[in-house]
Amino acid sequence: MYEYELQQMRTADLIRRAEHERLVREATRARRAARGEAGPGSAEHESHSRRFRRPRFARAA
């Protein structure tokens, strides 16, 4: 009986973990979709732009 209860607990834990991972994936997809709909001129897009950063290394002479 003990092994059966352990198996039931393990199964319930795996189901909870899978549901959590599905929710995380769904939230990530929703964020990506919202970012894509915001367009290229949005503030969030500009904040991640590397165009205006200084070069990482100095040029060799």
C-alpha atoms as a PDB file:
ATOM      1  CA  MET A   1       0.000   0.000   0.000  1.00  0.00           C
ATOM      2  CA  TYR A   2       2.863   2.353   0.795  1.00  0.00           C
ATOM      3  CA  GLU A   3       4.336   2.113  -2.722  1.00  0.00           C
ATOM      4  CA  TYR A   4       0.934   2.806  -4.253  1.00  0.00           C
ATOM      5  CA  GLU A   5       0.561   6.007  -2.207  1.00  0.00           C
ATOM      6  CA  LEU A   6       4.062   7.108  -3.181  1.00  0.00           C
ATOM      7  CA  GLN A   7       3.235   6.501  -6.838  1.00  0.00           C
ATOM      8  CA  GLN A   8       0.014   8.502  -6.517  1.00  0.00           C
ATOM      9  CA  MET A   9       1.921  11.408  -4.921  1.00  0.00           C
ATOM     10  CA  ARG A  10       4.577  11.274  -7.638  1.00  0.00           C
ATOM     11  CA  THR A  11       1.932  11.231 -10.367  1.00  0.00           C
ATOM     12  CA  ALA A  12       0.125  14.209  -8.827  1.00  0.00           C
ATOM     13  CA  ASP A  13       3.429  16.106  -8.561  1.00  0.00           C
ATOM     14  CA  LEU A  14       4.284  15.429 -12.211  1.00  0.00           C
ATOM     15  CA  ILE A  15       0.836  16.597 -13.303  1.00  0.00           C
ATOM     16  CA  ARG A  16       1.251  19.833 -11.296  1.00  0.00           C
ATOM     17  CA  ARG A  17       4.688  20.451 -12.797  1.00  0.00           C
ATOM     18  CA  ALA A  18       3.439  19.861 -16.328  1.00  0.00           C
ATOM     19  CA  GLU A  19       0.546  22.270 -15.799  1.00  0.00           C
ATOM     20  CA  HIS A  20       2.934  24.912 -14.453  1.00  0.00           C
ATOM     21  CA  GLU A  21       5.243  24.512 -17.460  1.00  0.00           C
ATOM     22  CA  ARG A  22       2.271  24.845 -19.820  1.00  0.00           C
ATOM     23  CA  LEU A  23       1.229  28.067 -18.097  1.00  0.00           C
ATOM     24  CA  VAL A  24       4.768  29.452 -18.342  1.00  0.00           C
ATOM     25  CA  ARG A  25       4.953  28.644 -22.062  1.00  0.00           C
ATOM     26  CA  GLU A  26       1.542  30.232 -22.633  1.00  0.00           C
ATOM     27  CA  ALA A  27       2.578  33.418 -20.794  1.00  0.00           C
ATOM     28  CA  THR A  28       5.824  33.581 -22.779  1.00  0.00           C
ATOM     29  CA  ARG A  29       3.960  33.246 -26.071  1.00  0.00           C
ATOM     30  CA  ALA A  30       1.484  35.938 -25.023  1.00  0.00           C
ATOM     31  CA  ARG A  31       4.324  38.331 -24.122  1.00  0.00           C
ATOM     32  CA  ARG A  32       6.058  37.695 -27.437  1.00  0.00           C
ATOM     33  CA  ALA A  33       2.826  38.263 -29.334  1.00  0.00           C
ATOM     34  CA  ALA A  34       2.182  41.503 -27.451  1.00  0.00           C
ATOM     35  CA  ARG A  35       5.710  42.671 -28.182  1.00  0.00           C
ATOM     36  CA  GLY A  36       5.275  41.898 -31.871  1.00  0.00           C
ATOM     37  CA  GLU A  37       1.984  43.796 -32.032  1.00  0.00           C
ATOM     38  CA  ALA A  38       3.502  46.836 -30.311  1.00  0.00           C
ATOM     39  CA  GLY A  39       5.572  47.545 -33.405  1.00  0.00           C
ATOM     40  CA  PRO A  40       9.150  48.671 -33.909  1.00  0.00           C
ATOM     41  CA  GLY A  41       8.628  52.172 -32.397  1.00  0.00           C
ATOM     42  CA  SER A  42       7.536  51.012 -28.964  1.00  0.00           C
ATOM     43  CA  ALA A  43       9.502  52.004 -25.868  1.00  0.00           C
ATOM     44  CA  GLU A  44      10.211  48.393 -24.931  1.00  0.00           C
ATOM     45  CA  HIS A  45      11.727  47.681 -28.330  1.00  0.00           C
ATOM     46  CA  GLU A  46      13.960  50.760 -28.160  1.00  0.00           C
ATOM     47  CA  SER A  47      15.200  49.881 -24.688  1.00  0.00           C
ATOM     48  CA  HIS A  48      16.739  46.679 -26.048  1.00  0.00           C
ATOM     49  CA  SER A  49      18.293  48.303 -29.089  1.00  0.00           C
ATOM     50  CA  ARG A  50      22.067  47.879 -29.334  1.00  0.00           C
ATOM     51  CA  ARG A  51      22.428  50.500 -32.056  1.00  0.00           C
ATOM     52  CA  PHE A  52      23.221  53.394 -29.712  1.00  0.00           C
ATOM     53  CA  ARG A  53      25.652  51.598 -27.436  1.00  0.00           C
ATOM     54  CA  ARG A  54      29.336  52.309 -27.496  1.00  0.00           C
ATOM     55  CA  PRO A  55      31.573  49.629 -28.976  1.00  0.00           C
ATOM     56  CA  ARG A  56      32.520  46.991 -26.435  1.00  0.00           C
ATOM     57  CA  PHE A  57      36.254  47.079 -27.235  1.00  0.00           C
ATOM     58  CA  ALA A  58      38.543  49.926 -28.234  1.00  0.00           C
ATOM     59  CA  ARG A  59      39.970  49.787 -31.729  1.00  0.00           C
ATOM     60  CA  ALA A  60      43.515  48.563 -32.088  1.00  0.00           C
ATOM     61  CA  ALA A  61      45.954  51.138 -33.381  1.00  0.00           C
END
